[in-house]
Amino acid sequence: MQTITSRQHPLVQRCRAIARRRDGAGADVLLDGLHLVAEALTAGVPISHALIGQRLFRNGTAAALVTGLERAGVDLFEATDAVADAASPVRTPTGVVAIAQVRALALAVALGARGASLPTPLVAGVVDVQDPGNVGAIVRAAEAAGATGVVVCGTSADPFGWKALRGSMGSVFRMPVAVLPDLDEVISAAKTAGLWVLAASPGGGRTLYDVDLARPLMVLMGGEGGGLPDSAMSAADDRIRIPMPPFIDSLNVAVAAGVILFEAHRQRRQSGPS
């Protein structure tokens, strides 16, 4: 195993370059943290390189991960703690970074195919959500609530950027996630696939408890502050809202997504709205 002692090492520079990338181009993603790298290994995500700081080797924290990485044939590097910290983009470095290969799936896959042997589609539409942490948290909530896919569109943050990956806590490796900037195309494809398209709105529309969320469904959730564009509101089949007291005008988009998706999960277990 090679030991890296310089911040100028090509692998360190490559990690930093991937972390700076903002356009979502390419298949290489940067994983940061023991948990996230372990989740990727378990999910069978291809990992090409991993770098682990010496303090984790010394205290044995990374022993199980090192074994798994070696068995998977990953190019593994030990690094001085200062170099490991330099390779990490987080404010408090974890001492573990890895380069993996993850691509968005086709829109049709994320929307789900209808069939007797497949679950009824429940798709989260992420529209203009610019905080990568929120994008990742929505993917996490979608998996927890039993959603079948996530479509990230508009000006949303890259769901495969390092911040979003940390926010998803590994869910992005298991959930079908598609990325398509054209929201009109996404809505049209969802309707063609037989999905009922709902627009989440802080005001107006029926409450989520009064709407049938057990049908094949895509729920559109808009970005921080601006919410969904008017075009999405007009194109949706219906609008829904989360009932709240009048002095609370909105929720964080990831929290709102979790509330709506878990109500859909509840209805699907009980076959209809309460």
Protein backbone atom coordinates (compact mmCIF):
# COMPACT_ATOMS: atom_id res chain seq x y z
CA MET A 1 0.00 0.00 0.00
CA GLN A 2 1.41 3.36 -1.01
CA THR A 3 1.67 6.15 1.55
CA ILE A 4 0.93 9.67 0.35
CA THR A 5 2.75 12.48 2.13
CA SER A 6 2.21 15.40 -0.25
CA ARG A 7 -0.90 17.47 -0.87
CA GLN A 8 0.26 17.80 -4.46
CA HIS A 9 -0.12 14.08 -5.11
CA PRO A 10 -2.27 13.48 -8.24
CA LEU A 11 -4.90 11.54 -6.28
CA VAL A 12 -5.34 14.37 -3.79
CA GLN A 13 -5.66 16.86 -6.62
CA ARG A 14 -8.16 14.64 -8.40
CA CYS A 15 -10.32 14.40 -5.28
CA ARG A 16 -10.30 18.18 -4.94
CA ALA A 17 -11.17 18.65 -8.61
CA ILE A 18 -14.16 16.30 -8.40
CA ALA A 19 -15.38 18.11 -5.28
CA ARG A 20 -15.23 21.47 -7.08
CA ARG A 21 -17.16 20.24 -10.10
CA ARG A 22 -20.61 21.82 -10.29
CA ASP A 23 -22.01 20.78 -13.67
CA GLY A 24 -22.65 17.12 -12.86
CA ALA A 25 -20.56 16.03 -15.85
CA GLY A 26 -18.80 12.70 -15.75
CA ALA A 27 -19.39 9.54 -13.78
CA ASP A 28 -16.75 10.02 -11.07
CA VAL A 29 -18.09 11.11 -7.69
CA LEU A 30 -16.35 11.86 -4.42
CA LEU A 31 -17.38 9.94 -1.34
CA ASP A 32 -16.41 11.31 2.06
CA GLY A 33 -16.67 9.42 5.33
CA LEU A 34 -16.51 5.87 6.64
CA HIS A 35 -20.27 5.36 6.51
CA LEU A 36 -20.75 6.62 2.96
CA VAL A 37 -17.86 4.60 1.54
CA ALA A 38 -19.08 1.50 3.37
CA GLU A 39 -22.61 2.05 2.00
CA ALA A 40 -21.21 2.28 -1.51
CA LEU A 41 -19.28 -0.96 -1.05
CA THR A 42 -22.37 -2.76 0.25
CA ALA A 43 -24.45 -1.46 -2.66
CA GLY A 44 -21.91 -2.73 -5.17
CA VAL A 45 -20.95 0.73 -6.41
CA PRO A 46 -17.65 0.59 -8.34
CA ILE A 47 -14.91 2.34 -6.34
CA SER A 48 -11.62 2.98 -8.12
CA HIS A 49 -9.53 4.68 -5.41
CA ALA A 50 -9.70 5.23 -1.66
CA LEU A 51 -7.51 7.30 0.62
CA ILE A 52 -7.49 6.80 4.39
CA GLY A 53 -5.70 8.91 6.99
CA GLN A 54 -3.08 7.39 9.26
CA ARG A 55 -5.00 8.15 12.46
CA LEU A 56 -7.77 5.79 11.35
CA PHE A 57 -5.20 3.09 10.61
CA ARG A 58 -3.63 3.62 14.03
CA ASN A 59 -6.83 3.40 16.05
CA GLY A 60 -8.35 0.58 14.01
CA THR A 61 -11.52 2.51 13.15
CA ALA A 62 -11.16 1.79 9.45
CA ALA A 63 -10.07 -1.85 9.75
CA ALA A 64 -13.31 -3.38 8.47
CA LEU A 65 -13.54 -0.85 5.66
CA VAL A 66 -9.95 -1.47 4.60
CA THR A 67 -10.66 -5.20 4.38
CA GLY A 68 -13.74 -4.60 2.26
CA LEU A 69 -11.92 -2.21 -0.05
CA GLU A 70 -9.05 -4.64 -0.53
CA ARG A 71 -11.44 -7.49 -1.32
CA ALA A 72 -13.17 -5.28 -3.90
CA GLY A 73 -9.86 -4.59 -5.63
CA VAL A 74 -9.86 -0.88 -4.86
CA ASP A 75 -6.57 1.02 -5.24
CA LEU A 76 -6.05 1.85 -1.55
CA PHE A 77 -3.74 4.56 -0.22
CA GLU A 78 -2.64 5.47 3.27
CA ALA A 79 -2.08 9.19 3.79
CA THR A 80 -0.71 11.41 6.48
CA ASP A 81 -3.53 13.03 8.41
CA ALA A 82 -2.80 16.45 6.92
CA VAL A 83 -2.94 15.06 3.39
CA ALA A 84 -6.14 13.12 4.09
CA ASP A 85 -7.71 16.31 5.39
CA ALA A 86 -6.58 18.19 2.29
CA ALA A 87 -8.26 15.62 0.03
CA SER A 88 -11.59 16.14 1.82
CA PRO A 89 -13.96 19.02 0.97
CA VAL A 90 -15.82 18.96 4.30
CA ARG A 91 -15.25 21.49 7.03
CA THR A 92 -14.41 18.80 9.57
CA PRO A 93 -12.61 16.11 7.53
CA THR A 94 -13.37 12.48 8.30
CA GLY A 95 -10.07 11.02 7.17
CA VAL A 96 -11.66 8.86 4.46
CA VAL A 97 -12.30 9.78 0.84
CA ALA A 98 -12.95 7.61 -2.19
CA ILE A 99 -13.61 8.02 -5.88
CA ALA A 100 -16.54 6.01 -7.18
CA GLN A 101 -18.40 5.70 -10.45
CA VAL A 102 -22.11 6.55 -10.28
CA ARG A 103 -24.40 7.69 -13.08
CA ALA A 104 -27.95 8.96 -13.14
CA LEU A 105 -30.46 6.49 -14.58
CA ALA A 106 -32.79 7.01 -17.51
CA LEU A 107 -35.98 8.95 -16.81
CA ALA A 108 -38.13 5.93 -17.68
CA VAL A 109 -36.38 3.87 -15.00
CA ALA A 110 -36.93 6.48 -12.30
CA LEU A 111 -40.60 6.85 -13.28
CA GLY A 112 -41.07 3.11 -12.96
CA ALA A 113 -42.77 0.61 -15.24
CA ARG A 114 -46.31 -0.39 -14.39
CA GLY A 115 -46.86 -4.08 -13.91
CA ALA A 116 -48.52 -6.54 -11.58
CA SER A 117 -45.21 -7.64 -10.08
CA LEU A 118 -43.90 -4.11 -9.50
CA PRO A 119 -44.81 -1.63 -6.74
CA THR A 120 -47.16 1.20 -7.60
CA PRO A 121 -44.93 4.11 -8.66
CA LEU A 122 -44.30 6.83 -6.10
CA VAL A 123 -41.84 9.32 -7.55
CA ALA A 124 -40.39 12.42 -5.92
CA GLY A 125 -39.92 15.28 -8.39
CA VAL A 126 -37.22 17.65 -7.14
CA VAL A 127 -37.60 21.01 -8.88
CA ASP A 128 -35.16 23.93 -8.51
CA VAL A 129 -33.90 22.75 -5.11
CA GLN A 130 -30.52 24.42 -5.03
CA ASP A 131 -29.18 23.29 -1.67
CA PRO A 132 -27.37 19.98 -2.28
CA GLY A 133 -27.98 18.95 1.32
CA ASN A 134 -31.72 19.28 0.73
CA VAL A 135 -31.50 17.28 -2.49
CA GLY A 136 -29.68 14.49 -0.69
CA ALA A 137 -32.13 14.58 2.23
CA ILE A 138 -35.07 14.25 -0.17
CA VAL A 139 -33.49 11.17 -1.74
CA ARG A 140 -33.01 9.76 1.77
CA ALA A 141 -36.62 10.49 2.73
CA ALA A 142 -37.86 8.99 -0.54
CA GLU A 143 -36.10 5.70 0.14
CA ALA A 144 -37.28 5.63 3.75
CA ALA A 145 -40.90 6.20 2.67
CA GLY A 146 -40.82 3.45 0.07
CA ALA A 147 -40.76 5.69 -2.99
CA THR A 148 -39.84 4.01 -6.26
CA GLY A 149 -37.79 6.81 -7.83
CA VAL A 150 -36.52 10.38 -7.73
CA VAL A 151 -36.30 12.80 -10.65
CA VAL A 152 -34.12 15.88 -10.19
CA CYS A 153 -34.93 18.68 -12.62
CA GLY A 154 -34.79 22.40 -13.29
CA THR A 155 -31.93 24.22 -11.60
CA SER A 156 -31.61 21.71 -8.76
CA ALA A 157 -28.23 20.82 -7.29
CA ASP A 158 -26.44 17.74 -8.61
CA PRO A 159 -27.66 14.72 -6.58
CA PHE A 160 -24.24 13.14 -7.15
CA GLY A 161 -22.21 16.05 -5.80
CA TRP A 162 -20.35 15.34 -2.59
CA LYS A 163 -22.71 17.39 -0.40
CA ALA A 164 -25.81 15.71 -1.78
CA LEU A 165 -24.21 12.29 -1.45
CA ARG A 166 -23.51 12.97 2.23
CA GLY A 167 -27.06 14.23 2.65
CA SER A 168 -28.50 11.05 1.16
CA MET A 169 -26.40 8.87 3.50
CA GLY A 170 -26.09 6.21 0.80
CA SER A 171 -29.71 6.21 -0.39
CA VAL A 172 -28.65 7.52 -3.79
CA PHE A 173 -26.82 4.22 -4.37
CA ARG A 174 -30.06 2.27 -4.01
CA MET A 175 -32.78 4.61 -5.30
CA PRO A 176 -33.42 5.03 -9.04
CA VAL A 177 -32.40 8.68 -9.55
CA ALA A 178 -32.73 10.48 -12.88
CA VAL A 179 -31.56 13.98 -13.75
CA LEU A 180 -33.35 15.98 -16.44
CA PRO A 181 -33.33 19.80 -16.50
CA ASP A 182 -36.48 20.15 -18.66
CA LEU A 183 -39.40 20.09 -16.22
CA ASP A 184 -42.02 20.13 -18.99
CA GLU A 185 -40.49 16.98 -20.44
CA VAL A 186 -40.51 15.31 -17.04
CA ILE A 187 -44.19 16.10 -16.44
CA SER A 188 -45.15 14.94 -19.92
CA ALA A 189 -43.23 11.67 -19.50
CA ALA A 190 -44.79 11.06 -16.09
CA LYS A 191 -48.31 11.48 -17.47
CA THR A 192 -47.52 9.27 -20.44
CA ALA A 193 -46.33 6.62 -17.98
CA GLY A 194 -49.70 6.79 -16.24
CA LEU A 195 -48.63 8.77 -13.18
CA TRP A 196 -50.88 11.31 -11.49
CA VAL A 197 -48.81 14.51 -11.11
CA LEU A 198 -49.29 16.49 -7.91
CA ALA A 199 -47.77 19.89 -7.19
CA ALA A 200 -46.90 20.59 -3.56
CA SER A 201 -47.95 24.13 -2.65
CA PRO A 202 -47.65 25.99 0.67
CA GLY A 203 -51.02 27.60 0.00
CA GLY A 204 -54.02 26.46 -2.00
CA GLY A 205 -55.01 23.01 -3.07
CA ARG A 206 -56.36 20.14 -1.00
CA THR A 207 -54.61 18.84 2.08
CA LEU A 208 -52.52 15.75 1.55
CA TYR A 209 -54.86 13.85 3.88
CA ASP A 210 -57.79 14.42 1.49
CA VAL A 211 -56.03 13.22 -1.67
CA ASP A 212 -55.58 9.65 -2.89
CA LEU A 213 -51.83 9.15 -2.70
CA ALA A 214 -52.05 5.40 -3.22
CA ARG A 215 -52.39 5.71 -7.00
CA PRO A 216 -49.38 5.82 -9.38
CA LEU A 217 -47.98 9.20 -8.45
CA MET A 218 -45.33 11.83 -8.95
CA VAL A 219 -45.10 14.60 -6.35
CA LEU A 220 -43.39 17.80 -7.48
CA MET A 221 -41.62 19.77 -4.77
CA GLY A 222 -40.23 23.22 -5.48
CA GLY A 223 -37.07 24.95 -4.42
CA GLU A 224 -36.21 26.99 -1.39
CA GLY A 225 -38.06 30.28 -1.30
CA GLY A 226 -39.54 30.32 -4.79
CA GLY A 227 -41.36 27.00 -4.72
CA LEU A 228 -42.65 25.49 -7.95
CA PRO A 229 -42.85 27.62 -11.11
CA ASP A 230 -46.27 28.63 -12.38
CA SER A 231 -45.86 26.34 -15.38
CA ALA A 232 -45.57 23.32 -13.10
CA MET A 233 -48.60 24.38 -11.09
CA SER A 234 -50.62 24.68 -14.28
CA ALA A 235 -49.43 21.40 -15.77
CA ALA A 236 -50.00 19.33 -12.62
CA ASP A 237 -53.16 17.28 -12.25
CA ASP A 238 -53.81 18.66 -8.77
CA ARG A 239 -52.28 20.67 -5.95
CA ILE A 240 -51.72 19.50 -2.41
CA ARG A 241 -50.65 21.23 0.78
CA ILE A 242 -49.57 20.26 4.26
CA PRO A 243 -52.05 21.68 6.79
CA MET A 244 -50.27 24.01 9.19
CA PRO A 245 -51.27 26.80 11.59
CA PRO A 246 -51.48 30.24 9.93
CA PHE A 247 -48.33 31.55 11.61
CA ILE A 248 -46.24 28.85 9.85
CA ASP A 249 -46.18 29.63 6.13
CA SER A 250 -43.82 26.90 4.91
CA LEU A 251 -41.50 24.03 5.79
CA ASN A 252 -38.00 23.16 4.68
CA VAL A 253 -38.39 21.38 1.33
CA ALA A 254 -36.77 18.16 2.54
CA VAL A 255 -39.02 18.10 5.62
CA ALA A 256 -42.09 18.76 3.44
CA ALA A 257 -41.06 15.98 1.07
CA GLY A 258 -40.76 13.58 3.98
CA VAL A 259 -44.21 14.48 5.32
CA ILE A 260 -45.88 14.00 1.94
CA LEU A 261 -44.05 10.81 1.00
CA PHE A 262 -44.73 9.18 4.35
CA GLU A 263 -48.42 10.03 4.08
CA ALA A 264 -48.37 8.31 0.68
CA HIS A 265 -46.66 5.35 2.36
CA ARG A 266 -49.34 5.27 5.07
CA GLN A 267 -52.16 5.39 2.54
CA ARG A 268 -50.63 2.59 0.49
CA ARG A 269 -50.53 0.40 3.57
CA GLN A 270 -54.16 1.27 4.38
CA SER A 271 -55.42 1.59 0.79
CA GLY A 272 -56.65 5.16 0.65
CA PRO A 273 -56.88 8.55 2.39
CA SER A 274 -58.26 8.82 5.90
